[in-house]
Amino acid sequence: MLTQDQIKLLETQKNIELLKKRDERYAYYGILQEYQLHSKDELQKLDYKKLNPYQHFLFKRVLHGLNVYTAEEVKSLHWDKKRRIKKVWLRGQEVINEWKQMICNKKVNDLLYRFFGENVRPIIDIPAEETLPDYKNTLTLKDLGLSYEDLILKFMSEGLLPKNFLTLKPNGN
């Protein structure tokens, strides 16, 4: 049987390993810089299910645009606010699409290199960040191993969500 000290040591090692994997994962997804801007305490709290209603609303508005409102609410919105919401939503969709393309490019490059080795160097030397703006990536976030938490960090890094998003209070301050 393990002692309490051994259990604590194992939990600490597990947490350290989890943080290392998270750093590698965020570096792979291109959001490590945004991840590093926030304290570990804030990021430990970053759980989509634990967002307060205001944070949830802001995130959903970037992700879904005017669809977060009822038809009556949309009618009552000022035309300029509708335009701004739609503009942010379209930008959010572009960011998601580019990001999904970049991740797919990285995964395909890794796969090609594993199967064909140095023979595919001319193909995989093309940067994974080169994306096609007119191509729509139809893979889901789940297929790519992305979560809403990752998407929140990406939106924050792109300026679609405020930099203080993780510390926003429910009353909107």
N, C-alpha and C. Protein backbone atom coordinates (compact mmCIF):
# COMPACT_ATOMS: atom_id res chain seq x y z
N MET A 1 0.84 -1.18 0.00
CA MET A 1 0.00 0.00 0.00
C MET A 1 0.88 1.25 0.00
N LEU A 2 0.40 2.28 -0.64
CA LEU A 2 1.17 3.53 -0.73
C LEU A 2 0.89 4.42 0.47
N THR A 3 1.92 5.12 0.89
CA THR A 3 1.75 6.07 1.99
C THR A 3 1.19 7.37 1.43
N GLN A 4 0.76 8.25 2.32
CA GLN A 4 0.21 9.54 1.90
C GLN A 4 1.26 10.36 1.14
N ASP A 5 2.51 10.30 1.61
CA ASP A 5 3.58 11.04 0.93
C ASP A 5 3.80 10.52 -0.49
N GLN A 6 3.75 9.22 -0.65
CA GLN A 6 3.93 8.63 -1.98
C GLN A 6 2.77 9.02 -2.90
N ILE A 7 1.58 9.04 -2.36
CA ILE A 7 0.41 9.43 -3.16
C ILE A 7 0.53 10.88 -3.59
N LYS A 8 0.94 11.75 -2.67
CA LYS A 8 1.12 13.17 -3.01
C LYS A 8 2.20 13.34 -4.06
N LEU A 9 3.28 12.59 -3.93
CA LEU A 9 4.37 12.67 -4.90
C LEU A 9 3.89 12.22 -6.28
N LEU A 10 3.12 11.15 -6.33
CA LEU A 10 2.58 10.68 -7.61
C LEU A 10 1.63 11.70 -8.23
N GLU A 11 0.80 12.33 -7.40
CA GLU A 11 -0.12 13.35 -7.91
C GLU A 11 0.65 14.56 -8.43
N THR A 12 1.70 14.94 -7.73
CA THR A 12 2.53 16.06 -8.17
C THR A 12 3.19 15.74 -9.51
N GLN A 13 3.74 14.54 -9.63
CA GLN A 13 4.36 14.14 -10.88
C GLN A 13 3.34 14.09 -12.01
N LYS A 14 2.15 13.63 -11.69
CA LYS A 14 1.08 13.57 -12.69
C LYS A 14 0.72 14.98 -13.16
N ASN A 15 0.62 15.92 -12.22
CA ASN A 15 0.30 17.31 -12.58
C ASN A 15 1.40 17.94 -13.42
N ILE A 16 2.65 17.66 -13.07
CA ILE A 16 3.78 18.19 -13.84
C ILE A 16 3.75 17.64 -15.26
N GLU A 17 3.50 16.36 -15.38
CA GLU A 17 3.42 15.73 -16.70
C GLU A 17 2.27 16.31 -17.52
N LEU A 18 1.15 16.57 -16.86
CA LEU A 18 0.00 17.16 -17.53
C LEU A 18 0.34 18.56 -18.05
N LEU A 19 1.04 19.36 -17.25
CA LEU A 19 1.43 20.70 -17.69
C LEU A 19 2.41 20.65 -18.86
N LYS A 20 3.34 19.69 -18.83
CA LYS A 20 4.28 19.55 -19.94
C LYS A 20 3.54 19.19 -21.23
N LYS A 21 2.61 18.26 -21.11
CA LYS A 21 1.83 17.86 -22.29
C LYS A 21 1.00 19.02 -22.80
N ARG A 22 0.45 19.81 -21.88
CA ARG A 22 -0.36 20.96 -22.27
C ARG A 22 0.50 21.97 -23.02
N ASP A 23 1.72 22.22 -22.52
CA ASP A 23 2.63 23.15 -23.20
C ASP A 23 2.94 22.66 -24.61
N GLU A 24 3.24 21.37 -24.74
CA GLU A 24 3.53 20.81 -26.07
C GLU A 24 2.32 20.92 -26.98
N ARG A 25 1.17 20.62 -26.43
CA ARG A 25 -0.07 20.65 -27.20
C ARG A 25 -0.37 22.07 -27.68
N TYR A 26 -0.24 23.04 -26.79
CA TYR A 26 -0.52 24.42 -27.17
C TYR A 26 0.52 24.94 -28.16
N ALA A 27 1.75 24.50 -28.03
CA ALA A 27 2.77 24.90 -29.01
C ALA A 27 2.41 24.32 -30.37
N TYR A 28 1.95 23.09 -30.39
CA TYR A 28 1.56 22.44 -31.64
C TYR A 28 0.38 23.16 -32.29
N TYR A 29 -0.57 23.58 -31.46
CA TYR A 29 -1.76 24.26 -31.99
C TYR A 29 -1.53 25.74 -32.25
N GLY A 30 -0.37 26.24 -31.88
CA GLY A 30 -0.06 27.64 -32.17
C GLY A 30 -0.66 28.64 -31.19
N ILE A 31 -1.04 28.19 -29.99
CA ILE A 31 -1.62 29.11 -29.02
C ILE A 31 -0.81 29.16 -27.73
N LEU A 32 0.44 28.70 -27.80
CA LEU A 32 1.28 28.68 -26.60
C LEU A 32 1.52 30.09 -26.08
N GLN A 33 1.70 31.04 -26.97
CA GLN A 33 1.96 32.41 -26.54
C GLN A 33 0.80 32.96 -25.72
N GLU A 34 -0.42 32.72 -26.16
CA GLU A 34 -1.59 33.18 -25.41
C GLU A 34 -1.68 32.45 -24.08
N TYR A 35 -1.37 31.18 -24.09
CA TYR A 35 -1.39 30.36 -22.87
C TYR A 35 -0.41 30.91 -21.85
N GLN A 36 0.76 31.34 -22.31
CA GLN A 36 1.80 31.81 -21.40
C GLN A 36 1.50 33.20 -20.83
N LEU A 37 0.59 33.93 -21.44
CA LEU A 37 0.26 35.27 -20.95
C LEU A 37 -0.54 35.24 -19.66
N HIS A 38 -1.14 34.11 -19.34
CA HIS A 38 -2.03 34.03 -18.19
C HIS A 38 -1.40 33.18 -17.09
N SER A 39 -1.79 33.50 -15.87
CA SER A 39 -1.25 32.74 -14.74
C SER A 39 -1.80 31.32 -14.76
N LYS A 40 -1.06 30.44 -14.13
CA LYS A 40 -1.48 29.04 -14.06
C LYS A 40 -2.82 28.90 -13.33
N ASP A 41 -3.05 29.77 -12.34
CA ASP A 41 -4.32 29.71 -11.60
C ASP A 41 -5.50 30.02 -12.51
N GLU A 42 -5.35 31.05 -13.35
CA GLU A 42 -6.43 31.41 -14.27
C GLU A 42 -6.68 30.26 -15.25
N LEU A 43 -5.61 29.66 -15.73
CA LEU A 43 -5.77 28.60 -16.72
C LEU A 43 -6.30 27.31 -16.11
N GLN A 44 -6.00 27.08 -14.84
CA GLN A 44 -6.55 25.91 -14.18
C GLN A 44 -8.07 26.03 -14.11
N LYS A 45 -8.54 27.27 -13.99
CA LYS A 45 -9.98 27.51 -13.91
C LYS A 45 -10.64 27.48 -15.28
N LEU A 46 -9.84 27.52 -16.35
CA LEU A 46 -10.40 27.56 -17.69
C LEU A 46 -11.03 26.21 -18.02
N ASP A 47 -12.30 26.17 -17.84
CA ASP A 47 -13.10 24.99 -18.15
C ASP A 47 -14.39 25.52 -18.75
N TYR A 48 -14.69 25.08 -19.95
CA TYR A 48 -15.86 25.60 -20.65
C TYR A 48 -17.12 25.47 -19.80
N LYS A 49 -17.24 24.39 -19.08
CA LYS A 49 -18.44 24.16 -18.28
C LYS A 49 -18.51 25.07 -17.07
N LYS A 50 -17.38 25.70 -16.71
CA LYS A 50 -17.35 26.55 -15.52
C LYS A 50 -17.32 28.04 -15.86
N LEU A 51 -17.53 28.39 -17.11
CA LEU A 51 -17.58 29.80 -17.47
C LEU A 51 -18.82 30.43 -16.84
N ASN A 52 -18.68 31.69 -16.43
CA ASN A 52 -19.86 32.35 -15.91
C ASN A 52 -20.76 32.74 -17.09
N PRO A 53 -22.01 33.09 -16.84
CA PRO A 53 -22.95 33.36 -17.94
C PRO A 53 -22.47 34.43 -18.92
N TYR A 54 -21.82 35.46 -18.41
CA TYR A 54 -21.36 36.52 -19.30
C TYR A 54 -20.24 36.02 -20.22
N GLN A 55 -19.29 35.28 -19.66
CA GLN A 55 -18.21 34.71 -20.47
C GLN A 55 -18.79 33.76 -21.51
N HIS A 56 -19.72 32.94 -21.08
CA HIS A 56 -20.35 31.98 -21.98
C HIS A 56 -21.04 32.71 -23.13
N PHE A 57 -21.76 33.77 -22.81
CA PHE A 57 -22.46 34.55 -23.82
C PHE A 57 -21.48 35.16 -24.82
N LEU A 58 -20.41 35.76 -24.33
CA LEU A 58 -19.43 36.38 -25.23
C LEU A 58 -18.80 35.35 -26.16
N PHE A 59 -18.45 34.20 -25.60
CA PHE A 59 -17.84 33.15 -26.41
C PHE A 59 -18.82 32.65 -27.46
N LYS A 60 -20.05 32.39 -27.05
CA LYS A 60 -21.05 31.89 -27.99
C LYS A 60 -21.37 32.93 -29.07
N ARG A 61 -21.31 34.21 -28.71
CA ARG A 61 -21.60 35.25 -29.69
C ARG A 61 -20.51 35.29 -30.77
N VAL A 62 -19.25 35.07 -30.37
CA VAL A 62 -18.18 35.01 -31.36
C VAL A 62 -18.33 33.74 -32.20
N LEU A 63 -18.70 32.65 -31.56
CA LEU A 63 -18.78 31.37 -32.24
C LEU A 63 -20.02 31.25 -33.14
N HIS A 64 -21.16 31.77 -32.68
CA HIS A 64 -22.41 31.58 -33.41
C HIS A 64 -23.03 32.86 -33.97
N GLY A 65 -22.49 34.00 -33.63
CA GLY A 65 -23.00 35.26 -34.17
C GLY A 65 -24.39 35.59 -33.67
N LEU A 66 -25.23 36.05 -34.58
CA LEU A 66 -26.59 36.48 -34.23
C LEU A 66 -27.48 35.31 -33.81
N ASN A 67 -27.04 34.09 -34.03
CA ASN A 67 -27.86 32.93 -33.66
C ASN A 67 -27.99 32.74 -32.15
N VAL A 68 -27.22 33.48 -31.36
CA VAL A 68 -27.38 33.38 -29.91
C VAL A 68 -28.61 34.15 -29.44
N TYR A 69 -29.13 34.99 -30.31
CA TYR A 69 -30.30 35.79 -29.98
C TYR A 69 -31.55 35.16 -30.57
N THR A 70 -32.68 35.45 -29.95
CA THR A 70 -33.96 35.03 -30.52
C THR A 70 -34.29 35.97 -31.68
N ALA A 71 -35.27 35.59 -32.48
CA ALA A 71 -35.66 36.41 -33.63
C ALA A 71 -36.14 37.79 -33.17
N GLU A 72 -36.85 37.84 -32.07
CA GLU A 72 -37.33 39.12 -31.55
C GLU A 72 -36.17 40.00 -31.09
N GLU A 73 -35.20 39.38 -30.43
CA GLU A 73 -34.04 40.15 -29.96
C GLU A 73 -33.25 40.70 -31.14
N VAL A 74 -33.14 39.91 -32.20
CA VAL A 74 -32.41 40.37 -33.39
C VAL A 74 -33.12 41.57 -34.01
N LYS A 75 -34.45 41.52 -34.05
CA LYS A 75 -35.21 42.64 -34.60
C LYS A 75 -35.01 43.91 -33.78
N SER A 76 -34.89 43.75 -32.48
CA SER A 76 -34.78 44.93 -31.61
C SER A 76 -33.35 45.48 -31.53
N LEU A 77 -32.36 44.72 -32.02
CA LEU A 77 -30.98 45.20 -31.98
C LEU A 77 -30.78 46.34 -32.97
N HIS A 78 -29.94 47.27 -32.59
CA HIS A 78 -29.58 48.37 -33.48
C HIS A 78 -28.83 47.81 -34.68
N TRP A 79 -29.03 48.41 -35.84
CA TRP A 79 -28.42 47.90 -37.07
C TRP A 79 -26.90 47.85 -36.98
N ASP A 80 -26.31 48.81 -36.29
CA ASP A 80 -24.86 48.84 -36.19
C ASP A 80 -24.34 47.71 -35.29
N LYS A 81 -25.09 47.41 -34.25
CA LYS A 81 -24.68 46.31 -33.37
C LYS A 81 -24.77 44.98 -34.12
N LYS A 82 -25.81 44.82 -34.92
CA LYS A 82 -25.94 43.61 -35.74
C LYS A 82 -24.74 43.47 -36.68
N ARG A 83 -24.37 44.59 -37.28
CA ARG A 83 -23.25 44.59 -38.22
C ARG A 83 -21.96 44.20 -37.50
N ARG A 84 -21.74 44.75 -36.31
CA ARG A 84 -20.52 44.44 -35.55
C ARG A 84 -20.49 42.98 -35.13
N ILE A 85 -21.63 42.47 -34.67
CA ILE A 85 -21.69 41.06 -34.25
C ILE A 85 -21.41 40.15 -35.44
N LYS A 86 -22.00 40.48 -36.58
CA LYS A 86 -21.79 39.67 -37.77
C LYS A 86 -20.33 39.73 -38.22
N LYS A 87 -19.73 40.91 -38.12
CA LYS A 87 -18.33 41.07 -38.52
C LYS A 87 -17.41 40.23 -37.62
N VAL A 88 -17.65 40.26 -36.32
CA VAL A 88 -16.84 39.47 -35.39
C VAL A 88 -17.07 37.98 -35.63
N TRP A 89 -18.31 37.60 -35.87
CA TRP A 89 -18.62 36.19 -36.13
C TRP A 89 -17.91 35.71 -37.40
N LEU A 90 -17.97 36.51 -38.47
CA LEU A 90 -17.29 36.11 -39.71
C LEU A 90 -15.78 35.99 -39.50
N ARG A 91 -15.22 36.92 -38.76
CA ARG A 91 -13.79 36.86 -38.46
C ARG A 91 -13.48 35.61 -37.64
N GLY A 92 -14.35 35.29 -36.70
CA GLY A 92 -14.18 34.08 -35.89
C GLY A 92 -14.20 32.82 -36.75
N GLN A 93 -15.11 32.78 -37.72
CA GLN A 93 -15.19 31.63 -38.61
C GLN A 93 -13.94 31.52 -39.48
N GLU A 94 -13.42 32.66 -39.91
CA GLU A 94 -12.18 32.65 -40.70
C GLU A 94 -11.01 32.14 -39.85
N VAL A 95 -10.95 32.59 -38.61
CA VAL A 95 -9.87 32.15 -37.70
C VAL A 95 -9.96 30.65 -37.47
N ILE A 96 -11.16 30.16 -37.22
CA ILE A 96 -11.34 28.72 -36.99
C ILE A 96 -10.92 27.93 -38.23
N ASN A 97 -11.35 28.39 -39.40
CA ASN A 97 -11.03 27.68 -40.64
C ASN A 97 -9.53 27.66 -40.90
N GLU A 98 -8.87 28.81 -40.74
CA GLU A 98 -7.42 28.86 -40.93
C GLU A 98 -6.70 27.96 -39.94
N TRP A 99 -7.17 27.98 -38.71
CA TRP A 99 -6.54 27.18 -37.66
C TRP A 99 -6.70 25.69 -37.95
N LYS A 100 -7.89 25.30 -38.37
CA LYS A 100 -8.12 23.90 -38.70
C LYS A 100 -7.25 23.48 -39.89
N GLN A 101 -7.12 24.34 -40.87
CA GLN A 101 -6.24 24.03 -42.01
C GLN A 101 -4.80 23.86 -41.56
N MET A 102 -4.34 24.75 -40.69
CA MET A 102 -2.97 24.69 -40.21
C MET A 102 -2.71 23.37 -39.46
N ILE A 103 -3.65 22.99 -38.61
CA ILE A 103 -3.49 21.75 -37.85
C ILE A 103 -3.51 20.54 -38.79
N CYS A 104 -4.41 20.57 -39.76
CA CYS A 104 -4.45 19.47 -40.75
C CYS A 104 -3.14 19.40 -41.52
N ASN A 105 -2.62 20.55 -41.92
CA ASN A 105 -1.35 20.57 -42.65
C ASN A 105 -0.24 19.95 -41.81
N LYS A 106 -0.18 20.30 -40.53
CA LYS A 106 0.85 19.73 -39.66
C LYS A 106 0.69 18.22 -39.53
N LYS A 107 -0.54 17.78 -39.35
CA LYS A 107 -0.77 16.34 -39.18
C LYS A 107 -0.44 15.57 -40.46
N VAL A 108 -0.81 16.13 -41.60
CA VAL A 108 -0.51 15.46 -42.87
C VAL A 108 1.00 15.44 -43.11
N ASN A 109 1.67 16.54 -42.82
CA ASN A 109 3.13 16.57 -42.98
C ASN A 109 3.80 15.52 -42.11
N ASP A 110 3.36 15.39 -40.87
CA ASP A 110 3.92 14.37 -39.98
C ASP A 110 3.67 12.97 -40.53
N LEU A 111 2.47 12.75 -41.00
CA LEU A 111 2.11 11.44 -41.54
C LEU A 111 2.92 11.11 -42.80
N LEU A 112 3.03 12.07 -43.69
CA LEU A 112 3.82 11.85 -44.91
C LEU A 112 5.28 11.55 -44.58
N TYR A 113 5.81 12.28 -43.62
CA TYR A 113 7.21 12.05 -43.25
C TYR A 113 7.41 10.67 -42.65
N ARG A 114 6.44 10.22 -41.85
CA ARG A 114 6.56 8.89 -41.25
C ARG A 114 6.53 7.79 -42.31
N PHE A 115 5.67 7.97 -43.31
CA PHE A 115 5.53 6.93 -44.33
C PHE A 115 6.64 6.98 -45.39
N PHE A 116 7.03 8.17 -45.80
CA PHE A 116 7.93 8.28 -46.94
C PHE A 116 9.30 8.86 -46.61
N GLY A 117 9.50 9.29 -45.39
CA GLY A 117 10.81 9.79 -44.97
C GLY A 117 11.23 11.05 -45.71
N GLU A 118 12.51 11.10 -46.03
CA GLU A 118 13.08 12.30 -46.66
C GLU A 118 12.60 12.50 -48.10
N ASN A 119 11.98 11.50 -48.69
CA ASN A 119 11.52 11.62 -50.08
C ASN A 119 10.46 12.71 -50.25
N VAL A 120 9.74 13.03 -49.19
CA VAL A 120 8.67 14.02 -49.29
C VAL A 120 9.10 15.39 -48.76
N ARG A 121 10.37 15.56 -48.54
CA ARG A 121 10.87 16.83 -48.00
C ARG A 121 10.40 18.04 -48.82
N PRO A 122 10.43 18.00 -50.16
CA PRO A 122 9.96 19.18 -50.92
C PRO A 122 8.49 19.52 -50.64
N ILE A 123 7.69 18.52 -50.36
CA ILE A 123 6.27 18.76 -50.11
C ILE A 123 6.07 19.30 -48.70
N ILE A 124 6.72 18.68 -47.73
CA ILE A 124 6.47 19.08 -46.34
C ILE A 124 7.27 20.31 -45.92
N ASP A 125 8.16 20.78 -46.78
CA ASP A 125 8.88 22.02 -46.47
C ASP A 125 7.99 23.24 -46.63
N ILE A 126 6.84 23.08 -47.26
CA ILE A 126 5.89 24.19 -47.35
C ILE A 126 5.35 24.42 -45.94
N PRO A 127 5.42 25.64 -45.44
CA PRO A 127 4.98 25.90 -44.06
C PRO A 127 3.52 25.50 -43.83
N ALA A 128 3.28 24.90 -42.69
CA ALA A 128 1.92 24.48 -42.34
C ALA A 128 1.00 25.68 -42.16
N GLU A 129 1.59 26.85 -41.91
CA GLU A 129 0.79 28.06 -41.68
C GLU A 129 0.22 28.63 -42.97
N GLU A 130 0.69 28.13 -44.11
CA GLU A 130 0.13 28.60 -45.38
C GLU A 130 -1.22 27.94 -45.59
N THR A 131 -2.25 28.76 -45.60
CA THR A 131 -3.60 28.24 -45.75
C THR A 131 -4.27 28.90 -46.95
N LEU A 132 -5.36 28.31 -47.37
CA LEU A 132 -6.14 28.84 -48.49
C LEU A 132 -7.39 29.51 -47.94
N PRO A 133 -7.54 30.80 -48.15
CA PRO A 133 -8.71 31.49 -47.58
C PRO A 133 -10.04 31.05 -48.19
N ASP A 134 -10.01 30.55 -49.42
CA ASP A 134 -11.27 30.16 -50.06
C ASP A 134 -11.61 28.68 -49.84
N TYR A 135 -10.75 27.94 -49.14
CA TYR A 135 -11.04 26.54 -48.84
C TYR A 135 -11.71 26.45 -47.48
N LYS A 136 -12.81 25.71 -47.42
CA LYS A 136 -13.53 25.54 -46.16
C LYS A 136 -13.23 24.16 -45.60
N ASN A 137 -12.56 24.13 -44.46
CA ASN A 137 -12.23 22.88 -43.79
C ASN A 137 -13.48 22.37 -43.08
N THR A 138 -13.89 21.15 -43.41
CA THR A 138 -15.14 20.62 -42.86
C THR A 138 -14.93 19.68 -41.67
N LEU A 139 -13.70 19.49 -41.25
CA LEU A 139 -13.46 18.64 -40.08
C LEU A 139 -13.99 19.34 -38.83
N THR A 140 -14.45 18.56 -37.90
CA THR A 140 -14.95 19.14 -36.65
C THR A 140 -13.78 19.41 -35.71
N LEU A 141 -14.05 20.23 -34.71
CA LEU A 141 -13.03 20.50 -33.69
C LEU A 141 -12.64 19.20 -32.99
N LYS A 142 -13.62 18.36 -32.75
CA LYS A 142 -13.37 17.09 -32.07
C LYS A 142 -12.45 16.19 -32.89
N ASP A 143 -12.67 16.17 -34.21
CA ASP A 143 -11.81 15.36 -35.09
C ASP A 143 -10.35 15.79 -34.99
N LEU A 144 -10.13 17.07 -34.77
CA LEU A 144 -8.77 17.59 -34.70
C LEU A 144 -8.22 17.59 -33.28
N GLY A 145 -9.02 17.16 -32.33
CA GLY A 145 -8.56 17.11 -30.95
C GLY A 145 -8.61 18.46 -30.25
N LEU A 146 -9.43 19.36 -30.76
CA LEU A 146 -9.55 20.69 -30.17
C LEU A 146 -10.74 20.74 -29.23
N SER A 147 -10.62 21.55 -28.21
CA SER A 147 -11.72 21.74 -27.28
C SER A 147 -12.14 23.20 -27.29
N TYR A 148 -13.25 23.49 -26.64
CA TYR A 148 -13.69 24.88 -26.53
C TYR A 148 -12.68 25.71 -25.75
N GLU A 149 -11.99 25.10 -24.81
CA GLU A 149 -10.96 25.82 -24.06
C GLU A 149 -9.85 26.29 -24.99
N ASP A 150 -9.46 25.43 -25.93
CA ASP A 150 -8.45 25.80 -26.92
C ASP A 150 -8.96 26.94 -27.79
N LEU A 151 -10.22 26.83 -28.17
CA LEU A 151 -10.83 27.85 -29.02
C LEU A 151 -10.91 29.20 -28.30
N ILE A 152 -11.19 29.16 -27.01
CA ILE A 152 -11.23 30.40 -26.23
C ILE A 152 -9.86 31.07 -26.26
N LEU A 153 -8.80 30.29 -26.04
CA LEU A 153 -7.45 30.86 -26.07
C LEU A 153 -7.12 31.40 -27.46
N LYS A 154 -7.54 30.70 -28.49
CA LYS A 154 -7.29 31.16 -29.86
C LYS A 154 -8.02 32.47 -30.12
N PHE A 155 -9.28 32.54 -29.72
CA PHE A 155 -10.05 33.77 -29.92
C PHE A 155 -9.43 34.93 -29.14
N MET A 156 -8.92 34.64 -27.95
CA MET A 156 -8.26 35.69 -27.17
C MET A 156 -6.99 36.16 -27.87
N SER A 157 -6.24 35.24 -28.43
CA SER A 157 -5.00 35.62 -29.10
C SER A 157 -5.27 36.41 -30.38
N GLU A 158 -6.42 36.18 -31.00
CA GLU A 158 -6.77 36.90 -32.22
C GLU A 158 -7.51 38.21 -31.94
N GLY A 159 -7.82 38.46 -30.68
CA GLY A 159 -8.51 39.70 -30.33
C GLY A 159 -10.02 39.63 -30.49
N LEU A 160 -10.56 38.45 -30.70
CA LEU A 160 -12.01 38.31 -30.83
C LEU A 160 -12.69 38.26 -29.46
N LEU A 161 -11.97 37.83 -28.47
CA LEU A 161 -12.42 37.89 -27.08
C LEU A 161 -11.45 38.81 -26.34
N PRO A 162 -11.93 39.51 -25.32
CA PRO A 162 -11.04 40.43 -24.61
C PRO A 162 -9.90 39.69 -23.90
N LYS A 163 -8.79 40.38 -23.73
CA LYS A 163 -7.63 39.79 -23.07
C LYS A 163 -7.94 39.39 -21.63
N ASN A 164 -8.88 40.09 -21.01
CA ASN A 164 -9.24 39.78 -19.62
C ASN A 164 -10.44 38.84 -19.55
N PHE A 165 -10.68 38.09 -20.59
CA PHE A 165 -11.84 37.21 -20.67
C PHE A 165 -11.92 36.24 -19.49
N LEU A 166 -10.77 35.72 -19.09
CA LEU A 166 -10.76 34.71 -18.02
C LEU A 166 -11.10 35.30 -16.66
N THR A 167 -11.00 36.61 -16.53
CA THR A 167 -11.28 37.24 -15.23
C THR A 167 -12.57 38.05 -15.24
N LEU A 168 -13.33 38.00 -16.31
CA LEU A 168 -14.58 38.76 -16.38
C LEU A 168 -15.57 38.25 -15.34
N LYS A 169 -16.28 39.18 -14.75
CA LYS A 169 -17.29 38.85 -13.75
C LYS A 169 -18.65 38.67 -14.43
N PRO A 170 -19.57 37.97 -13.78
CA PRO A 170 -20.88 37.72 -14.39
C PRO A 170 -21.68 38.97 -14.75
N ASN A 171 -21.43 40.09 -14.08
CA ASN A 171 -22.22 41.29 -14.38
C ASN A 171 -21.68 42.05 -15.58
N GLY A 172 -20.66 41.53 -16.24
CA GLY A 172 -20.16 42.15 -17.46
C GLY A 172 -18.99 43.09 -17.25
N ASN A 173 -18.42 43.15 -16.06
CA ASN A 173 -17.28 44.03 -15.81
C ASN A 173 -15.99 43.28 -15.94
